Amino acid sequence: MSFNVALTGLNAASKDLEATSNNLANAGTTGFKRSRAEFNDLFAMGPMGIPQLAVGQGARLANIGQMFTQGSFDFTERSLDLGIEGRGFFRLDDDGSVTYSRAGQFEVDRNGYIVNNTGKRLTGYRTDEEGNRVGDGRDLLRLPTEGIPARPTTNVAVGANLNADTDPLDPALFNPEDTETFHESTTTTVYDSQGSARDATFYFVKTSPNTWQVFTEVEGMDWGDGDAPYFGPHELVFDQAGNLVEGGRVEFEGEFLAAVEPLEVELDFRGLTQFARPFSVSRISQDGYTAGEFQNVDVEKDGRIFARYSNGQAQVVGQVALTSFASEERLLNVGETSWQETFEAGDPLIGVPGQGLFGRIENGALEQSNVDVAHELVNMITAQRNFSANARMVTTQDQITQEIINIR
C-alpha cells in the first residue's frame, strides 16, 4: 500500500512541476494567465463509511486552476496594441468559432478587418453616420481603409466682436475692393461638393448705433443676380448691452461657375458681440472637408475606434466590445492565450469598456503575463522536494520489503 501512496505523491509533484514549468515558459507571453495545480487527498471508503483507523491513500490532481489576476502593461507605440485594465476579454471570431482573449496584439488585414496575430477577427459594435454604436457587440470590426469622400460645407459659425465705437457707413456704397466702404472683414475656407477649397469672406458694415450688415462673398460663386457678386446684406441687431438679438442665423444658396453642386450653407452669427473694444475674431468654423486617405486609428478607453485621414478628419468607425463571465476561472483554455465559454463559466455578457463590471481599454499598451518568476521558482523548489521525499518513501518501502523477505 505504501508504494501506491508514494506513487500518487510522485504523480502529484510531477503535475505541480508541469504547471510551474508551463508558467515559466509563458512568462513573456502577452495576455497569458498563470495556472496552479490543485490537489485533493484520497481516502479509503468502505460500505459502512470511513473507518476511524483508516489511513489515507495519497493525493490526486483535482484541478488546474487559472489565475486571472491583472498583468502589468508594456507600453508600445502601436495604436492597435490594446490592453484591458480590469475585467473582460476581447471577443474573437474565426469563421464562426468564437474565442476570448486578453492578448491585444491587433493589426489590420488586407480586407480592413482588425485581427490578432493568429488571424482571428476582433468583434464589437458598428457605428452609424453620427458615430453612435449599433448592434449587439458581435459584429466584425472593419476599418474604412479606402478613405473618406469629400463633404461640402453646410454650416459656418462666426464668433467675433464688432467695435461699438465705430462710426456708421452707408451700406449702399459697399464695395469689397474698397476698404473705405466697410469696417471689418474675416475669411475662412469652405468646400464644394468635389472637395475644392473656396475662400468665403464676411464683410461687416455698421449702419446705425446697434445695427450692422454683413455681406458674404464666396470664391468662384455666381449669385445669379447679374450685379453684386456676393450674398447680402444680412442685418445684425444688437441690444444696448452689446448682445446679438436679431439675425443670428441665415441660409443662402449659390451656384458655382464650375460644374459642381450648388452650395447650401447656414450661417451662424450667434457668436457675435458689440462691445467698445477693437474688432477680434474669437472663432470661425465650418463642417466641410476635402477627400482624405486613411492614415491610422486611435482607440479610446471606452473602446471607440477613431479612423484618422490625411485631410485632418477623424471618424468613429466602430467600438470594441468586452465580454465578461460570472466564473471566468471555469473557461476552457484552448491555447494561443485564448479561452472558450463553458456551461460552468456562465453565459457571456457583452458590454462597453469602462461601464459596469467591464474594464477599460489601454491604447498603445499590451497586458503582460501575470507570472511572477520568483514565485514560480519557489514553487518549483517546493515541488522538487515533494518529489524527492516521495521517491525516498518508495526507496524506504523497498528496503522494508526486502527486510521482510529476508526474514528466516
Protein backbone atom coordinates (compact mmCIF):
# COMPACT_ATOMS: atom_id res chain seq x y z
CA MET A 1 0.00 0.00 0.00
CA SER A 2 2.82 2.44 0.80
CA PHE A 3 4.13 2.02 -2.72
CA ASN A 4 0.78 3.19 -4.15
CA VAL A 5 0.57 6.14 -1.75
CA ALA A 6 4.09 7.25 -2.64
CA LEU A 7 3.29 6.81 -6.32
CA THR A 8 0.34 9.23 -6.04
CA GLY A 9 2.69 11.67 -4.34
CA LEU A 10 5.16 11.37 -7.21
CA ASN A 11 2.39 11.97 -9.74
CA ALA A 12 1.12 15.00 -7.80
CA ALA A 13 4.58 16.53 -7.53
CA SER A 14 5.14 15.86 -11.23
CA LYS A 15 1.91 17.67 -12.16
CA ASP A 16 2.88 20.55 -9.90
CA LEU A 17 6.21 20.80 -11.70
CA GLU A 18 4.44 20.68 -15.08
CA ALA A 19 2.18 23.59 -14.14
CA THR A 20 5.14 25.59 -12.84
CA SER A 21 7.16 24.79 -15.95
CA ASN A 22 4.33 25.97 -18.20
CA ASN A 23 4.03 29.20 -16.24
CA LEU A 24 7.75 29.89 -16.54
CA ALA A 25 7.72 29.07 -20.25
CA ASN A 26 4.99 31.70 -20.78
CA ALA A 27 6.40 34.38 -18.51
CA GLY A 28 6.88 36.56 -21.58
CA THR A 29 3.65 35.65 -23.40
CA THR A 30 1.28 38.59 -23.84
CA GLY A 31 -2.07 38.06 -22.14
CA PHE A 32 -1.06 34.75 -20.54
CA LYS A 33 -2.65 33.82 -17.21
CA ARG A 34 -0.73 31.60 -14.80
CA SER A 35 -2.21 28.35 -13.58
CA ARG A 36 -1.71 26.29 -10.48
CA ALA A 37 -2.10 22.60 -9.74
CA GLU A 38 -4.78 21.94 -7.12
CA PHE A 39 -4.89 18.59 -5.27
CA ASN A 40 -7.24 16.55 -3.11
CA ASP A 41 -6.36 13.74 -0.75
CA LEU A 42 -7.55 10.16 -1.34
CA PHE A 43 -9.22 8.22 1.44
CA ALA A 44 -10.44 4.65 1.76
CA MET A 45 -14.21 4.30 1.67
CA GLY A 46 -15.97 1.18 2.92
CA PRO A 47 -19.61 0.07 2.76
CA MET A 48 -20.13 1.49 6.24
CA GLY A 49 -18.29 4.74 5.63
CA ILE A 50 -14.76 5.77 6.56
CA PRO A 51 -13.20 3.65 9.30
CA GLN A 52 -11.73 5.63 12.18
CA LEU A 53 -8.40 3.87 11.84
CA ALA A 54 -8.19 4.19 8.08
CA VAL A 55 -5.04 5.74 6.61
CA GLY A 56 -5.25 7.93 3.51
CA GLN A 57 -4.43 6.56 0.08
CA GLY A 58 -2.43 9.53 -1.15
CA ALA A 59 -3.23 12.54 -3.34
CA ARG A 60 -4.75 13.20 -6.72
CA LEU A 61 -4.89 16.14 -9.11
CA ALA A 62 -8.28 17.86 -8.65
CA ASN A 63 -7.97 20.86 -10.98
CA ILE A 64 -5.62 23.12 -12.89
CA GLY A 65 -6.83 26.48 -11.60
CA GLN A 66 -6.47 29.58 -13.78
CA MET A 67 -5.44 32.81 -12.08
CA PHE A 68 -6.99 35.79 -13.89
CA THR A 69 -5.21 38.47 -11.90
CA GLN A 70 -4.24 41.69 -13.67
CA GLY A 71 -0.94 41.66 -15.54
CA SER A 72 1.32 44.70 -15.87
CA PHE A 73 1.30 46.84 -19.02
CA ASP A 74 4.04 47.11 -21.60
CA PHE A 75 3.52 50.43 -23.38
CA THR A 76 4.24 50.42 -27.09
CA GLU A 77 3.90 52.91 -29.94
CA ARG A 78 1.35 50.88 -31.91
CA SER A 79 -2.18 52.26 -31.97
CA LEU A 80 -3.73 48.79 -32.30
CA ASP A 81 -1.90 47.31 -29.33
CA LEU A 82 -4.73 47.13 -26.80
CA GLY A 83 -4.69 46.13 -23.15
CA ILE A 84 -7.57 45.62 -20.73
CA GLU A 85 -7.40 47.25 -17.32
CA GLY A 86 -9.91 45.34 -15.22
CA ARG A 87 -12.37 42.58 -16.06
CA GLY A 88 -13.27 41.38 -19.52
CA PHE A 89 -12.00 39.65 -22.63
CA PHE A 90 -11.67 40.56 -26.28
CA ARG A 91 -14.18 38.59 -28.33
CA LEU A 92 -12.60 36.94 -31.39
CA ASP A 93 -14.34 35.31 -34.34
CA ASP A 94 -12.70 32.70 -36.54
CA ASP A 95 -15.28 31.85 -39.23
CA GLY A 96 -17.98 31.41 -36.61
CA SER A 97 -15.80 29.83 -33.93
CA VAL A 98 -15.74 32.28 -31.02
CA THR A 99 -12.89 32.53 -28.52
CA TYR A 100 -11.94 35.07 -25.85
CA SER A 101 -8.54 36.53 -25.12
CA ARG A 102 -6.70 39.15 -23.09
CA ALA A 103 -3.90 39.41 -25.68
CA GLY A 104 -4.42 42.62 -27.64
CA GLN A 105 -1.80 42.43 -30.40
CA PHE A 106 -4.04 43.54 -33.26
CA GLU A 107 -3.43 44.65 -36.82
CA VAL A 108 -5.42 45.30 -39.99
CA ASP A 109 -5.63 42.58 -42.65
CA ARG A 110 -5.87 43.16 -46.40
CA ASN A 111 -9.67 43.39 -46.19
CA GLY A 112 -9.62 46.04 -43.49
CA TYR A 113 -10.66 43.75 -40.61
CA ILE A 114 -8.96 44.07 -37.23
CA VAL A 115 -7.30 40.71 -36.48
CA ASN A 116 -4.96 39.29 -33.86
CA ASN A 117 -1.63 37.60 -34.57
CA THR A 118 -3.35 34.31 -35.41
CA GLY A 119 -5.80 35.85 -37.89
CA LYS A 120 -8.88 35.81 -35.64
CA ARG A 121 -11.13 38.84 -36.16
CA LEU A 122 -11.99 41.24 -33.36
CA THR A 123 -15.70 41.90 -32.78
CA GLY A 124 -17.56 44.88 -31.34
CA TYR A 125 -20.21 47.45 -32.14
CA ARG A 126 -20.83 49.00 -35.53
CA THR A 127 -21.45 52.77 -35.70
CA ASP A 128 -23.85 54.86 -37.78
CA GLU A 129 -23.03 58.06 -39.67
CA GLU A 130 -23.31 60.06 -36.45
CA GLY A 131 -20.84 57.81 -34.63
CA ASN A 132 -23.46 56.16 -32.42
CA ARG A 133 -22.97 52.47 -31.71
CA VAL A 134 -25.44 49.97 -33.12
CA GLY A 135 -25.75 46.21 -32.93
CA ASP A 136 -25.17 43.76 -30.10
CA GLY A 137 -21.36 43.87 -29.94
CA ARG A 138 -20.89 40.72 -32.03
CA ASP A 139 -20.14 42.41 -35.37
CA LEU A 140 -16.75 42.14 -37.05
CA LEU A 141 -14.79 45.38 -36.78
CA ARG A 142 -13.59 46.70 -40.12
CA LEU A 143 -11.72 49.93 -40.87
CA PRO A 144 -12.64 52.03 -43.94
CA THR A 145 -9.16 51.86 -45.45
CA GLU A 146 -10.48 53.09 -48.81
CA GLY A 147 -10.51 56.67 -47.48
CA ILE A 148 -13.16 59.28 -46.85
CA PRO A 149 -15.08 61.19 -49.57
CA ALA A 150 -15.32 64.97 -49.74
CA ARG A 151 -18.08 66.71 -47.81
CA PRO A 152 -19.46 70.09 -48.90
CA THR A 153 -19.81 72.84 -46.32
CA THR A 154 -23.32 73.17 -44.91
CA ASN A 155 -22.69 75.22 -41.75
CA VAL A 156 -20.40 78.14 -40.98
CA ALA A 157 -20.21 79.66 -37.48
CA VAL A 158 -18.54 83.00 -36.78
CA GLY A 159 -17.66 84.36 -33.36
CA ALA A 160 -16.24 87.88 -33.19
CA ASN A 161 -16.53 91.28 -31.50
CA LEU A 162 -17.62 94.27 -33.59
CA ASN A 163 -16.31 97.59 -32.24
CA ALA A 164 -19.18 99.60 -30.75
CA ASP A 165 -17.22 102.87 -31.18
CA THR A 166 -17.16 102.55 -34.97
CA ASP A 167 -18.88 105.32 -36.96
CA PRO A 168 -21.73 104.14 -39.25
CA LEU A 169 -21.32 103.91 -43.05
CA ASP A 170 -23.78 103.86 -45.93
CA PRO A 171 -24.23 100.18 -46.94
CA ALA A 172 -25.30 101.24 -50.41
CA LEU A 173 -21.68 102.25 -51.06
CA PHE A 174 -20.28 98.85 -50.14
CA ASN A 175 -17.54 97.63 -52.44
CA PRO A 176 -15.37 94.67 -51.41
CA GLU A 177 -12.48 96.21 -53.38
CA ASP A 178 -12.65 99.45 -51.37
CA THR A 179 -11.73 99.15 -47.68
CA GLU A 180 -13.29 102.56 -47.03
CA THR A 181 -16.79 101.14 -47.66
CA PHE A 182 -16.79 98.53 -44.87
CA HIS A 183 -15.43 98.33 -41.34
CA GLU A 184 -14.14 94.81 -40.81
CA SER A 185 -13.74 91.51 -42.68
CA THR A 186 -12.69 87.95 -41.97
CA THR A 187 -12.10 84.96 -44.24
CA THR A 188 -12.49 81.23 -43.85
CA THR A 189 -12.36 78.23 -46.18
CA VAL A 190 -15.44 76.36 -47.38
CA TYR A 191 -15.62 73.28 -49.61
CA ASP A 192 -17.78 72.47 -52.62
CA SER A 193 -19.25 69.06 -53.44
CA GLN A 194 -15.98 67.86 -55.01
CA GLY A 195 -13.89 68.95 -52.04
CA SER A 196 -12.31 72.00 -53.66
CA ALA A 197 -11.39 74.70 -51.17
CA ARG A 198 -13.08 78.11 -51.64
CA ASP A 199 -12.44 81.34 -49.75
CA ALA A 200 -15.50 82.75 -48.02
CA THR A 201 -15.15 86.35 -46.82
CA PHE A 202 -17.53 88.19 -44.49
CA TYR A 203 -17.64 92.00 -44.66
CA PHE A 204 -19.20 93.88 -41.75
CA VAL A 205 -20.69 97.37 -42.18
CA LYS A 206 -22.14 99.36 -39.26
CA THR A 207 -25.28 101.20 -40.38
CA SER A 208 -26.57 102.63 -37.06
CA PRO A 209 -25.55 102.58 -33.36
CA ASN A 210 -26.73 98.98 -32.74
CA THR A 211 -27.18 97.68 -36.27
CA TRP A 212 -24.70 96.07 -38.64
CA GLN A 213 -24.96 94.49 -42.06
CA VAL A 214 -22.86 91.59 -43.27
CA PHE A 215 -22.03 90.77 -46.89
CA THR A 216 -20.78 87.28 -47.82
CA GLU A 217 -18.51 86.66 -50.79
CA VAL A 218 -17.54 83.09 -51.87
CA GLU A 219 -14.76 82.48 -54.38
CA GLY A 220 -15.98 81.20 -57.74
CA MET A 221 -19.68 81.60 -56.97
CA ASP A 222 -22.26 83.08 -59.35
CA TRP A 223 -25.13 84.54 -57.32
CA GLY A 224 -27.34 84.79 -60.38
CA ASP A 225 -28.45 88.40 -59.96
CA GLY A 226 -26.10 89.74 -62.60
CA ASP A 227 -24.91 92.54 -60.33
CA ALA A 228 -23.28 92.15 -56.93
CA PRO A 229 -21.02 89.07 -56.65
CA TYR A 230 -21.91 88.48 -53.01
CA PHE A 231 -24.76 87.44 -50.73
CA GLY A 232 -26.47 90.07 -48.62
CA PRO A 233 -26.74 92.36 -46.99
CA HIS A 234 -27.93 90.46 -43.93
CA GLU A 235 -28.86 92.61 -40.94
CA LEU A 236 -27.50 92.06 -37.43
CA VAL A 237 -29.18 93.84 -34.49
CA PHE A 238 -27.62 94.19 -31.02
CA ASP A 239 -29.21 95.30 -27.75
CA GLN A 240 -27.89 98.11 -25.57
CA ALA A 241 -25.69 95.63 -23.69
CA GLY A 242 -23.92 94.60 -26.90
CA ASN A 243 -25.56 91.20 -27.31
CA LEU A 244 -26.93 89.98 -30.64
CA VAL A 245 -30.74 89.85 -30.58
CA GLU A 246 -31.65 89.56 -34.29
CA GLY A 247 -30.03 87.96 -37.34
CA GLY A 248 -28.26 85.11 -35.55
CA ARG A 249 -28.90 82.65 -38.39
CA VAL A 250 -29.41 82.91 -42.11
CA GLU A 251 -29.36 80.45 -45.02
CA PHE A 252 -28.13 81.03 -48.55
CA GLU A 253 -27.69 79.00 -51.73
CA GLY A 254 -25.41 79.79 -54.62
CA GLU A 255 -24.22 78.27 -57.90
CA PHE A 256 -20.56 77.84 -58.72
CA LEU A 257 -19.17 78.63 -62.12
CA ALA A 258 -17.54 75.18 -62.06
CA ALA A 259 -19.57 72.03 -62.74
CA VAL A 260 -20.29 71.18 -59.09
CA GLU A 261 -23.42 71.04 -57.00
CA PRO A 262 -24.90 74.27 -55.59
CA LEU A 263 -23.64 75.30 -52.18
CA GLU A 264 -26.32 75.43 -49.48
CA VAL A 265 -24.99 76.96 -46.26
CA GLU A 266 -26.44 78.06 -42.95
CA LEU A 267 -24.52 80.98 -41.47
CA ASP A 268 -24.44 81.17 -37.67
CA PHE A 269 -23.62 84.63 -36.28
CA ARG A 270 -24.81 83.98 -32.73
CA GLY A 271 -21.24 84.26 -31.50
CA LEU A 272 -21.06 87.97 -32.43
CA THR A 273 -20.94 90.74 -29.82
CA GLN A 274 -20.74 94.54 -29.97
CA PHE A 275 -18.51 95.92 -27.25
CA ALA A 276 -16.35 99.02 -27.10
CA ARG A 277 -13.10 97.29 -27.96
CA PRO A 278 -11.28 96.54 -31.22
CA PHE A 279 -12.56 94.02 -33.72
CA SER A 280 -11.37 90.49 -32.97
CA VAL A 281 -12.34 87.05 -34.19
CA SER A 282 -12.73 84.51 -31.36
CA ARG A 283 -13.70 81.53 -33.52
CA ILE A 284 -14.72 80.62 -37.03
CA SER A 285 -15.61 77.08 -38.07
CA GLN A 286 -17.23 75.12 -40.86
CA ASP A 287 -18.13 71.44 -41.35
CA GLY A 288 -16.86 70.70 -44.87
CA TYR A 289 -13.65 68.98 -45.93
CA THR A 290 -11.83 67.62 -48.93
CA ALA A 291 -11.36 63.92 -49.66
CA GLY A 292 -8.80 62.15 -47.50
CA GLU A 293 -6.76 58.95 -47.41
CA PHE A 294 -6.80 56.61 -44.43
CA GLN A 295 -3.74 57.06 -42.20
CA ASN A 296 -4.14 55.47 -38.77
CA VAL A 297 -6.51 54.71 -35.91
CA ASP A 298 -6.84 55.60 -32.25
CA VAL A 299 -8.79 53.61 -29.68
CA GLU A 300 -10.29 55.40 -26.67
CA LYS A 301 -10.63 53.92 -23.18
CA ASP A 302 -14.31 53.20 -23.88
CA GLY A 303 -13.35 51.22 -26.99
CA ARG A 304 -14.38 53.78 -29.61
CA ILE A 305 -12.23 53.46 -32.73
CA PHE A 306 -11.34 56.73 -34.46
CA ALA A 307 -10.08 56.48 -38.04
CA ARG A 308 -7.86 59.42 -38.96
CA TYR A 309 -7.41 60.69 -42.51
CA SER A 310 -4.93 62.82 -44.42
CA ASN A 311 -7.40 65.73 -44.56
CA GLY A 312 -7.30 66.08 -40.78
CA GLN A 313 -10.68 64.43 -40.21
CA ALA A 314 -11.43 61.68 -37.71
CA GLN A 315 -14.49 59.45 -37.65
CA VAL A 316 -15.79 56.92 -35.16
CA VAL A 317 -15.89 53.72 -37.24
CA GLY A 318 -16.63 51.17 -34.54
CA GLN A 319 -16.34 50.36 -30.85
CA VAL A 320 -14.50 47.47 -29.24
CA ALA A 321 -16.75 45.34 -27.02
CA LEU A 322 -15.62 43.37 -23.99
CA THR A 323 -17.07 40.08 -22.73
CA SER A 324 -17.34 39.08 -19.10
CA PHE A 325 -18.26 35.81 -17.37
CA ALA A 326 -19.65 35.09 -13.92
CA SER A 327 -16.92 32.50 -13.30
CA GLU A 328 -14.06 33.19 -15.69
CA GLU A 329 -11.88 30.61 -13.89
CA ARG A 330 -14.14 27.93 -15.41
CA LEU A 331 -13.44 28.94 -19.00
CA LEU A 332 -11.84 26.31 -21.24
CA ASN A 333 -8.24 27.05 -22.13
CA VAL A 334 -7.80 26.25 -25.84
CA GLY A 335 -4.28 27.61 -26.31
CA GLU A 336 -2.98 30.65 -28.18
CA THR A 337 -3.77 32.64 -24.99
CA SER A 338 -7.48 32.24 -25.65
CA TRP A 339 -10.43 30.58 -23.96
CA GLN A 340 -13.84 29.24 -24.90
CA GLU A 341 -17.04 29.57 -22.93
CA THR A 342 -18.35 26.66 -20.88
CA PHE A 343 -21.56 25.95 -19.01
CA GLU A 344 -19.72 26.26 -15.69
CA ALA A 345 -18.38 29.71 -16.60
CA GLY A 346 -21.85 31.12 -17.18
CA ASP A 347 -23.36 32.98 -20.10
CA PRO A 348 -21.17 35.59 -21.81
CA LEU A 349 -22.10 39.21 -21.04
CA ILE A 350 -21.10 41.68 -23.76
CA GLY A 351 -20.75 45.36 -22.93
CA VAL A 352 -18.96 48.68 -23.35
CA PRO A 353 -15.47 49.11 -21.85
CA GLY A 354 -15.47 51.25 -18.73
CA GLN A 355 -19.13 50.65 -17.90
CA GLY A 356 -20.39 48.43 -15.09
CA LEU A 357 -18.15 45.46 -14.43
CA PHE A 358 -16.13 45.92 -17.61
CA GLY A 359 -12.57 47.20 -17.54
CA ARG A 360 -11.13 50.00 -19.65
CA ILE A 361 -9.11 49.82 -22.85
CA GLU A 362 -5.49 50.96 -22.76
CA ASN A 363 -4.42 52.13 -26.21
CA GLY A 364 -0.81 51.50 -27.21
CA ALA A 365 -0.26 49.00 -24.40
CA LEU A 366 -0.15 45.23 -24.02
CA GLU A 367 -1.05 43.31 -20.88
CA GLN A 368 1.87 41.11 -19.99
CA SER A 369 1.79 37.67 -18.42
CA ASN A 370 0.81 37.68 -14.74
CA VAL A 371 3.51 35.10 -13.96
CA ASP A 372 5.79 36.09 -11.08
CA VAL A 373 9.06 34.34 -11.91
CA ALA A 374 10.39 34.48 -8.34
CA HIS A 375 7.17 32.96 -7.00
CA GLU A 376 7.29 30.19 -9.62
CA LEU A 377 10.91 29.35 -8.74
CA VAL A 378 9.89 28.92 -5.11
CA ASN A 379 7.04 26.65 -6.24
CA MET A 380 9.50 24.69 -8.35
CA ILE A 381 11.81 24.09 -5.38
CA THR A 382 8.87 23.03 -3.21
CA ALA A 383 7.54 20.61 -5.84
CA GLN A 384 11.02 19.21 -6.40
CA ARG A 385 11.43 18.50 -2.69
CA ASN A 386 7.99 16.89 -2.59
CA PHE A 387 9.01 14.66 -5.48
CA SER A 388 12.28 13.75 -3.78
CA ALA A 389 10.53 12.97 -0.50
CA ASN A 390 8.04 10.64 -2.21
CA ALA A 391 10.86 8.98 -4.15
CA ARG A 392 12.67 8.42 -0.86
CA MET A 393 9.47 6.89 0.53
CA VAL A 394 9.48 4.38 -2.34
CA THR A 395 13.11 3.53 -1.57
CA THR A 396 12.35 3.17 2.14
CA GLN A 397 9.36 0.92 1.47
CA ASP A 398 11.53 -1.19 -0.86
CA GLN A 399 14.10 -1.63 1.90
CA ILE A 400 11.38 -2.64 4.38
CA THR A 401 10.01 -5.16 1.90
CA GLN A 402 13.49 -6.62 1.40
CA GLU A 403 13.93 -6.95 5.15
CA ILE A 404 10.63 -8.81 5.42
CA ILE A 405 11.58 -11.13 2.56
CA ASN A 406 14.95 -11.88 4.16
CA ILE A 407 13.36 -12.97 7.49
CA ARG A 408 14.02 -16.70 8.14
